[in-house]
């Protein structure tokens, strides 16, 4: 029977992995002063979020409200 290959061609192709988000963040290499990085890391867990918020505030972008179930600190 040759119906199986014909049926499989009619089915939509599945994407692998997690679906891409429209508002996904971008990976970036950023060179900053080691003392600045140490100061943020010294603030404990969530230092990357706080750095992001400081950068966003620097360009006048308001901080988005955390999503439901978000474990980040306010």
PDB file of N, CA and C in Angstrom:
ATOM      1  N   UNK A   1       0.832  -1.179   0.000  1.00  0.00           N
ATOM      2  CA  UNK A   1       0.000   0.000   0.000  1.00  0.00           C
ATOM      3  C   UNK A   1       0.882   1.249   0.000  1.00  0.00           C
ATOM      4  N   UNK A   2       0.553   2.156  -0.855  1.00  0.00           N
ATOM      5  CA  UNK A   2       1.340   3.377  -0.956  1.00  0.00           C
ATOM      6  C   UNK A   2       0.599   4.584  -0.377  1.00  0.00           C
ATOM      7  N   UNK A   3      -0.459   4.358   0.400  1.00  0.00           N
ATOM      8  CA  UNK A   3      -1.230   5.478   0.948  1.00  0.00           C
ATOM      9  C   UNK A   3      -0.504   6.185   2.088  1.00  0.00           C
ATOM     10  N   UNK A   4       0.323   5.499   2.844  1.00  0.00           N
ATOM     11  CA  UNK A   4       1.000   6.116   3.989  1.00  0.00           C
ATOM     12  C   UNK A   4       1.909   7.257   3.539  1.00  0.00           C
ATOM     13  N   UNK A   5       2.782   7.087   2.554  1.00  0.00           N
ATOM     14  CA  UNK A   5       3.610   8.223   2.132  1.00  0.00           C
ATOM     15  C   UNK A   5       2.768   9.375   1.590  1.00  0.00           C
ATOM     16  N   UNK A   6       1.674   9.100   0.911  1.00  0.00           N
ATOM     17  CA  UNK A   6       0.827  10.165   0.381  1.00  0.00           C
ATOM     18  C   UNK A   6       0.170  10.955   1.508  1.00  0.00           C
ATOM     19  N   UNK A   7      -0.285  10.272   2.538  1.00  0.00           N
ATOM     20  CA  UNK A   7      -0.917  10.938   3.672  1.00  0.00           C
ATOM     21  C   UNK A   7       0.116  11.787   4.411  1.00  0.00           C
ATOM     22  N   UNK A   8       1.298  11.286   4.600  1.00  0.00           N
ATOM     23  CA  UNK A   8       2.309  12.041   5.346  1.00  0.00           C
ATOM     24  C   UNK A   8       2.705  13.316   4.621  1.00  0.00           C
ATOM     25  N   UNK A   9       2.640  13.326   3.299  1.00  0.00           N
ATOM     26  CA  UNK A   9       2.941  14.549   2.549  1.00  0.00           C
ATOM     27  C   UNK A   9       1.854  15.592   2.717  1.00  0.00           C
ATOM     28  N   UNK A  10       0.626  15.178   3.000  1.00  0.00           N
ATOM     29  CA  UNK A  10      -0.481  16.107   3.166  1.00  0.00           C
ATOM     30  C   UNK A  10      -0.509  16.743   4.557  1.00  0.00           C
ATOM     31  N   UNK A  11       0.099  16.087   5.525  1.00  0.00           N
ATOM     32  CA  UNK A  11       0.101  16.615   6.887  1.00  0.00           C
ATOM     33  C   UNK A  11       1.071  17.790   6.995  1.00  0.00           C
ATOM     34  N   UNK A  12       0.744  18.784   7.836  1.00  0.00           N
ATOM     35  CA  UNK A  12       1.667  19.921   7.999  1.00  0.00           C
ATOM     36  C   UNK A  12       2.967  19.473   8.666  1.00  0.00           C
ATOM     37  N   UNK A  13       4.057  20.115   8.283  1.00  0.00           N
ATOM     38  CA  UNK A  13       5.360  19.794   8.877  1.00  0.00           C
ATOM     39  C   UNK A  13       5.412  20.349  10.291  1.00  0.00           C
ATOM     40  N   UNK A  14       5.909  19.544  11.223  1.00  0.00           N
ATOM     41  CA  UNK A  14       6.035  19.983  12.613  1.00  0.00           C
ATOM     42  C   UNK A  14       7.328  20.743  12.797  1.00  0.00           C
ATOM     43  N   UNK A  15       7.251  21.821  13.557  1.00  0.00           N
ATOM     44  CA  UNK A  15       8.444  22.575  13.927  1.00  0.00           C
ATOM     45  C   UNK A  15       9.087  21.883  15.117  1.00  0.00           C
ATOM     46  N   UNK A  16      10.383  21.898  15.194  1.00  0.00           N
ATOM     47  CA  UNK A  16      11.076  21.317  16.340  1.00  0.00           C
ATOM     48  C   UNK A  16      11.275  22.365  17.416  1.00  0.00           C
ATOM     49  N   UNK A  17      11.234  21.939  18.664  1.00  0.00           N
ATOM     50  CA  UNK A  17      11.513  22.825  19.785  1.00  0.00           C
ATOM     51  C   UNK A  17      10.351  23.727  20.152  1.00  0.00           C
ATOM     52  N   UNK A  18      10.664  24.665  21.001  1.00  0.00           N
ATOM     53  CA  UNK A  18       9.674  25.612  21.510  1.00  0.00           C
ATOM     54  C   UNK A  18       9.311  26.632  20.431  1.00  0.00           C
ATOM     55  N   UNK A  19       8.043  27.028  20.349  1.00  0.00           N
ATOM     56  CA  UNK A  19       7.665  28.051  19.366  1.00  0.00           C
ATOM     57  C   UNK A  19       8.386  29.361  19.653  1.00  0.00           C
ATOM     58  N   UNK A  20       8.747  30.080  18.618  1.00  0.00           N
ATOM     59  CA  UNK A  20       9.446  31.357  18.780  1.00  0.00           C
ATOM     60  C   UNK A  20       8.484  32.427  19.273  1.00  0.00           C
ATOM     61  N   UNK A  21       8.969  33.238  20.202  1.00  0.00           N
ATOM     62  CA  UNK A  21       8.170  34.341  20.726  1.00  0.00           C
ATOM     63  C   UNK A  21       8.356  35.561  19.844  1.00  0.00           C
ATOM     64  N   UNK A  22       7.308  36.338  19.730  1.00  0.00           N
ATOM     65  CA  UNK A  22       7.382  37.567  18.940  1.00  0.00           C
ATOM     66  C   UNK A  22       8.285  38.580  19.632  1.00  0.00           C
ATOM     67  N   UNK A  23       8.231  38.614  20.963  1.00  0.00           N
ATOM     68  CA  UNK A  23       9.003  39.590  21.730  1.00  0.00           C
ATOM     69  C   UNK A  23      10.259  38.973  22.359  1.00  0.00           C
ATOM     70  N   UNK A  24      10.864  38.032  21.671  1.00  0.00           N
ATOM     71  CA  UNK A  24      12.040  37.336  22.203  1.00  0.00           C
ATOM     72  C   UNK A  24      13.210  38.305  22.360  1.00  0.00           C
ATOM     73  N   UNK A  25      14.016  38.070  23.364  1.00  0.00           N
ATOM     74  CA  UNK A  25      15.202  38.886  23.578  1.00  0.00           C
ATOM     75  C   UNK A  25      16.309  38.412  22.641  1.00  0.00           C
ATOM     76  N   UNK A  26      17.325  39.238  22.491  1.00  0.00           N
ATOM     77  CA  UNK A  26      18.430  38.975  21.572  1.00  0.00           C
ATOM     78  C   UNK A  26      19.695  38.707  22.375  1.00  0.00           C
ATOM     79  N   UNK A  27      20.435  37.664  22.003  1.00  0.00           N
ATOM     80  CA  UNK A  27      21.736  37.421  22.630  1.00  0.00           C
ATOM     81  C   UNK A  27      22.717  38.463  22.128  1.00  0.00           C
ATOM     82  N   UNK A  28      23.545  38.982  23.054  1.00  0.00           N
ATOM     83  CA  UNK A  28      24.456  40.066  22.721  1.00  0.00           C
ATOM     84  C   UNK A  28      25.711  39.941  23.563  1.00  0.00           C
ATOM     85  N   UNK A  29      26.845  40.238  22.965  1.00  0.00           N
ATOM     86  CA  UNK A  29      28.082  40.335  23.723  1.00  0.00           C
ATOM     87  C   UNK A  29      28.295  41.805  24.021  1.00  0.00           C
ATOM     88  N   UNK A  30      28.437  42.134  25.294  1.00  0.00           N
ATOM     89  CA  UNK A  30      28.558  43.521  25.725  1.00  0.00           C
ATOM     90  C   UNK A  30      29.801  43.654  26.584  1.00  0.00           C
ATOM     91  N   UNK A  31      30.641  44.613  26.245  1.00  0.00           N
ATOM     92  CA  UNK A  31      31.864  44.842  27.020  1.00  0.00           C
ATOM     93  C   UNK A  31      31.603  45.972  28.011  1.00  0.00           C
ATOM     94  N   UNK A  32      31.685  45.639  29.308  1.00  0.00           N
ATOM     95  CA  UNK A  32      31.487  46.645  30.344  1.00  0.00           C
ATOM     96  C   UNK A  32      32.625  46.560  31.357  1.00  0.00           C
ATOM     97  N   UNK A  33      32.754  47.592  32.151  1.00  0.00           N
ATOM     98  CA  UNK A  33      33.783  47.665  33.180  1.00  0.00           C
ATOM     99  C   UNK A  33      33.583  46.534  34.189  1.00  0.00           C
ATOM    100  N   UNK A  34      34.637  45.804  34.539  1.00  0.00           N
ATOM    101  CA  UNK A  34      34.492  44.703  35.509  1.00  0.00           C
ATOM    102  C   UNK A  34      33.916  45.150  36.851  1.00  0.00           C
ATOM    103  N   UNK A  35      34.239  46.356  37.283  1.00  0.00           N
ATOM    104  CA  UNK A  35      33.711  46.847  38.561  1.00  0.00           C
ATOM    105  C   UNK A  35      32.193  47.007  38.490  1.00  0.00           C
ATOM    106  N   UNK A  36      31.681  47.444  37.346  1.00  0.00           N
ATOM    107  CA  UNK A  36      30.239  47.583  37.169  1.00  0.00           C
ATOM    108  C   UNK A  36      29.562  46.218  37.221  1.00  0.00           C
ATOM    109  N   UNK A  37      30.132  45.239  36.538  1.00  0.00           N
ATOM    110  CA  UNK A  37      29.575  43.888  36.558  1.00  0.00           C
ATOM    111  C   UNK A  37      29.609  43.304  37.969  1.00  0.00           C
ATOM    112  N   UNK A  38      30.720  43.489  38.657  1.00  0.00           N
ATOM    113  CA  UNK A  38      30.830  42.990  40.034  1.00  0.00           C
ATOM    114  C   UNK A  38      29.784  43.629  40.941  1.00  0.00           C
ATOM    115  N   UNK A  39      29.521  44.924  40.738  1.00  0.00           N
ATOM    116  CA  UNK A  39      28.530  45.621  41.567  1.00  0.00           C
ATOM    117  C   UNK A  39      27.139  45.043  41.339  1.00  0.00           C
ATOM    118  N   UNK A  40      26.781  44.757  40.094  1.00  0.00           N
ATOM    119  CA  UNK A  40      25.463  44.161  39.825  1.00  0.00           C
ATOM    120  C   UNK A  40      25.383  42.748  40.368  1.00  0.00           C
ATOM    121  N   UNK A  41      26.423  41.942  40.166  1.00  0.00           N
ATOM    122  CA  UNK A  41      26.412  40.566  40.671  1.00  0.00           C
ATOM    123  C   UNK A  41      26.328  40.528  42.188  1.00  0.00           C
ATOM    124  N   UNK A  42      26.919  41.517  42.849  1.00  0.00           N
ATOM    125  CA  UNK A  42      26.911  41.569  44.315  1.00  0.00           C
ATOM    126  C   UNK A  42      25.512  41.803  44.867  1.00  0.00           C
ATOM    127  N   UNK A  43      24.584  42.274  44.027  1.00  0.00           N
ATOM    128  CA  UNK A  43      23.217  42.507  44.500  1.00  0.00           C
ATOM    129  C   UNK A  43      22.421  41.214  44.615  1.00  0.00           C
ATOM    130  N   UNK A  44      22.987  40.100  44.168  1.00  0.00           N
ATOM    131  CA  UNK A  44      22.336  38.798  44.331  1.00  0.00           C
ATOM    132  C   UNK A  44      21.527  38.367  43.126  1.00  0.00           C
ATOM    133  N   UNK A  45      20.713  37.330  43.345  1.00  0.00           N
ATOM    134  CA  UNK A  45      19.890  36.789  42.263  1.00  0.00           C
ATOM    135  C   UNK A  45      19.037  37.878  41.642  1.00  0.00           C
ATOM    136  N   UNK A  46      18.901  37.812  40.332  1.00  0.00           N
ATOM    137  CA  UNK A  46      18.104  38.797  39.609  1.00  0.00           C
ATOM    138  C   UNK A  46      18.912  39.985  39.124  1.00  0.00           C
ATOM    139  N   UNK A  47      20.239  39.912  39.245  1.00  0.00           N
ATOM    140  CA  UNK A  47      21.065  41.052  38.844  1.00  0.00           C
ATOM    141  C   UNK A  47      20.930  41.360  37.356  1.00  0.00           C
ATOM    142  N   UNK A  48      20.720  40.337  36.528  1.00  0.00           N
ATOM    143  CA  UNK A  48      20.578  40.572  35.092  1.00  0.00           C
ATOM    144  C   UNK A  48      19.282  41.328  34.790  1.00  0.00           C
ATOM    145  N   UNK A  49      18.217  40.992  35.510  1.00  0.00           N
ATOM    146  CA  UNK A  49      16.944  41.694  35.336  1.00  0.00           C
ATOM    147  C   UNK A  49      17.106  43.148  35.761  1.00  0.00           C
ATOM    148  N   UNK A  50      17.784  43.380  36.896  1.00  0.00           N
ATOM    149  CA  UNK A  50      17.988  44.752  37.361  1.00  0.00           C
ATOM    150  C   UNK A  50      18.847  45.543  36.380  1.00  0.00           C
ATOM    151  N   UNK A  51      19.835  44.904  35.771  1.00  0.00           N
ATOM    152  CA  UNK A  51      20.657  45.593  34.775  1.00  0.00           C
ATOM    153  C   UNK A  51      19.804  45.942  33.554  1.00  0.00           C
ATOM    154  N   UNK A  52      18.959  45.007  33.137  1.00  0.00           N
ATOM    155  CA  UNK A  52      18.054  45.260  32.010  1.00  0.00           C
ATOM    156  C   UNK A  52      17.145  46.441  32.312  1.00  0.00           C
ATOM    157  N   UNK A  53      16.576  46.474  33.515  1.00  0.00           N
ATOM    158  CA  UNK A  53      15.681  47.557  33.902  1.00  0.00           C
ATOM    159  C   UNK A  53      16.401  48.898  33.921  1.00  0.00           C
ATOM    160  N   UNK A  54      17.651  48.924  34.398  1.00  0.00           N
ATOM    161  CA  UNK A  54      18.420  50.169  34.425  1.00  0.00           C
ATOM    162  C   UNK A  54      18.708  50.655  33.002  1.00  0.00           C
ATOM    163  N   UNK A  55      19.027  49.725  32.113  1.00  0.00           N
ATOM    164  CA  UNK A  55      19.277  50.109  30.714  1.00  0.00           C
ATOM    165  C   UNK A  55      17.999  50.627  30.062  1.00  0.00           C
ATOM    166  N   UNK A  56      16.876  49.967  30.329  1.00  0.00           N
ATOM    167  CA  UNK A  56      15.600  50.401  29.754  1.00  0.00           C
ATOM    168  C   UNK A  56      15.218  51.775  30.288  1.00  0.00           C
ATOM    169  N   UNK A  57      15.450  52.007  31.572  1.00  0.00           N
ATOM    170  CA  UNK A  57      15.144  53.305  32.168  1.00  0.00           C
ATOM    171  C   UNK A  57      16.025  54.397  31.558  1.00  0.00           C
ATOM    172  N   UNK A  58      17.245  54.038  31.221  1.00  0.00           N
ATOM    173  CA  UNK A  58      18.176  54.987  30.623  1.00  0.00           C
ATOM    174  C   UNK A  58      17.721  55.516  29.276  1.00  0.00           C
ATOM    175  N   UNK A  59      16.911  54.746  28.561  1.00  0.00           N
ATOM    176  CA  UNK A  59      16.398  55.219  27.268  1.00  0.00           C
ATOM    177  C   UNK A  59      14.937  55.642  27.371  1.00  0.00           C
ATOM    178  N   UNK A  60      14.422  55.692  28.601  1.00  0.00           N
ATOM    179  CA  UNK A  60      13.058  56.155  28.819  1.00  0.00           C
ATOM    180  C   UNK A  60      11.991  55.126  28.533  1.00  0.00           C
ATOM    181  N   UNK A  61      12.370  53.862  28.461  1.00  0.00           N
ATOM    182  CA  UNK A  61      11.390  52.799  28.227  1.00  0.00           C
ATOM    183  C   UNK A  61      10.821  52.371  29.559  1.00  0.00           C
ATOM    184  N   UNK A  62       9.479  52.320  29.651  1.00  0.00           N
ATOM    185  CA  UNK A  62       8.863  51.914  30.908  1.00  0.00           C
ATOM    186  C   UNK A  62       9.051  50.421  31.115  1.00  0.00           C
ATOM    187  N   UNK A  63       9.083  50.038  32.384  1.00  0.00           N
ATOM    188  CA  UNK A  63       9.266  48.629  32.737  1.00  0.00           C
ATOM    189  C   UNK A  63       7.954  47.892  32.550  1.00  0.00           C
ATOM    190  N   UNK A  64       7.926  46.795  31.766  1.00  0.00           N
ATOM    191  CA  UNK A  64       6.685  46.031  31.597  1.00  0.00           C
ATOM    192  C   UNK A  64       6.317  45.299  32.882  1.00  0.00           C
ATOM    193  N   UNK A  65       5.031  45.098  33.079  1.00  0.00           N
ATOM    194  CA  UNK A  65       4.559  44.345  34.238  1.00  0.00           C
ATOM    195  C   UNK A  65       4.968  42.891  34.086  1.00  0.00           C
ATOM    196  N   UNK A  66       5.409  42.220  35.159  1.00  0.00           N
ATOM    197  CA  UNK A  66       5.788  40.809  35.068  1.00  0.00           C
ATOM    198  C   UNK A  66       4.595  39.948  34.673  1.00  0.00           C
ATOM    199  N   UNK A  67       4.867  38.917  33.913  1.00  0.00           N
ATOM    200  CA  UNK A  67       3.827  37.985  33.493  1.00  0.00           C
ATOM    201  C   UNK A  67       3.342  37.165  34.677  1.00  0.00           C
ATOM    202  N   UNK A  68       2.148  36.620  34.572  1.00  0.00           N
ATOM    203  CA  UNK A  68       1.618  35.778  35.640  1.00  0.00           C
ATOM    204  C   UNK A  68       2.542  34.594  35.854  1.00  0.00           C
ATOM    205  N   UNK A  69       2.885  34.336  37.086  1.00  0.00           N
ATOM    206  CA  UNK A  69       3.769  33.217  37.406  1.00  0.00           C
ATOM    207  C   UNK A  69       5.236  33.567  37.270  1.00  0.00           C
ATOM    208  N   UNK A  70       5.543  34.831  36.971  1.00  0.00           N
ATOM    209  CA  UNK A  70       6.933  35.256  36.836  1.00  0.00           C
ATOM    210  C   UNK A  70       7.583  35.248  38.205  1.00  0.00           C
ATOM    211  N   UNK A  71       8.755  34.663  38.328  1.00  0.00           N
ATOM    212  CA  UNK A  71       9.410  34.512  39.623  1.00  0.00           C
ATOM    213  C   UNK A  71      10.385  35.647  39.912  1.00  0.00           C
ATOM    214  N   UNK A  72      10.459  36.638  39.029  1.00  0.00           N
ATOM    215  CA  UNK A  72      11.359  37.763  39.275  1.00  0.00           C
ATOM    216  C   UNK A  72      10.850  38.611  40.417  1.00  0.00           C
ATOM    217  N   UNK A  73      11.785  39.197  41.130  1.00  0.00           N
ATOM    218  CA  UNK A  73      11.422  40.086  42.234  1.00  0.00           C
ATOM    219  C   UNK A  73      11.039  41.443  41.681  1.00  0.00           C
ATOM    220  N   UNK A  74      10.156  42.124  42.386  1.00  0.00           N
ATOM    221  CA  UNK A  74       9.734  43.466  41.964  1.00  0.00           C
ATOM    222  C   UNK A  74      10.760  44.498  42.336  1.00  0.00           C
TER     223      UNK A  74
END
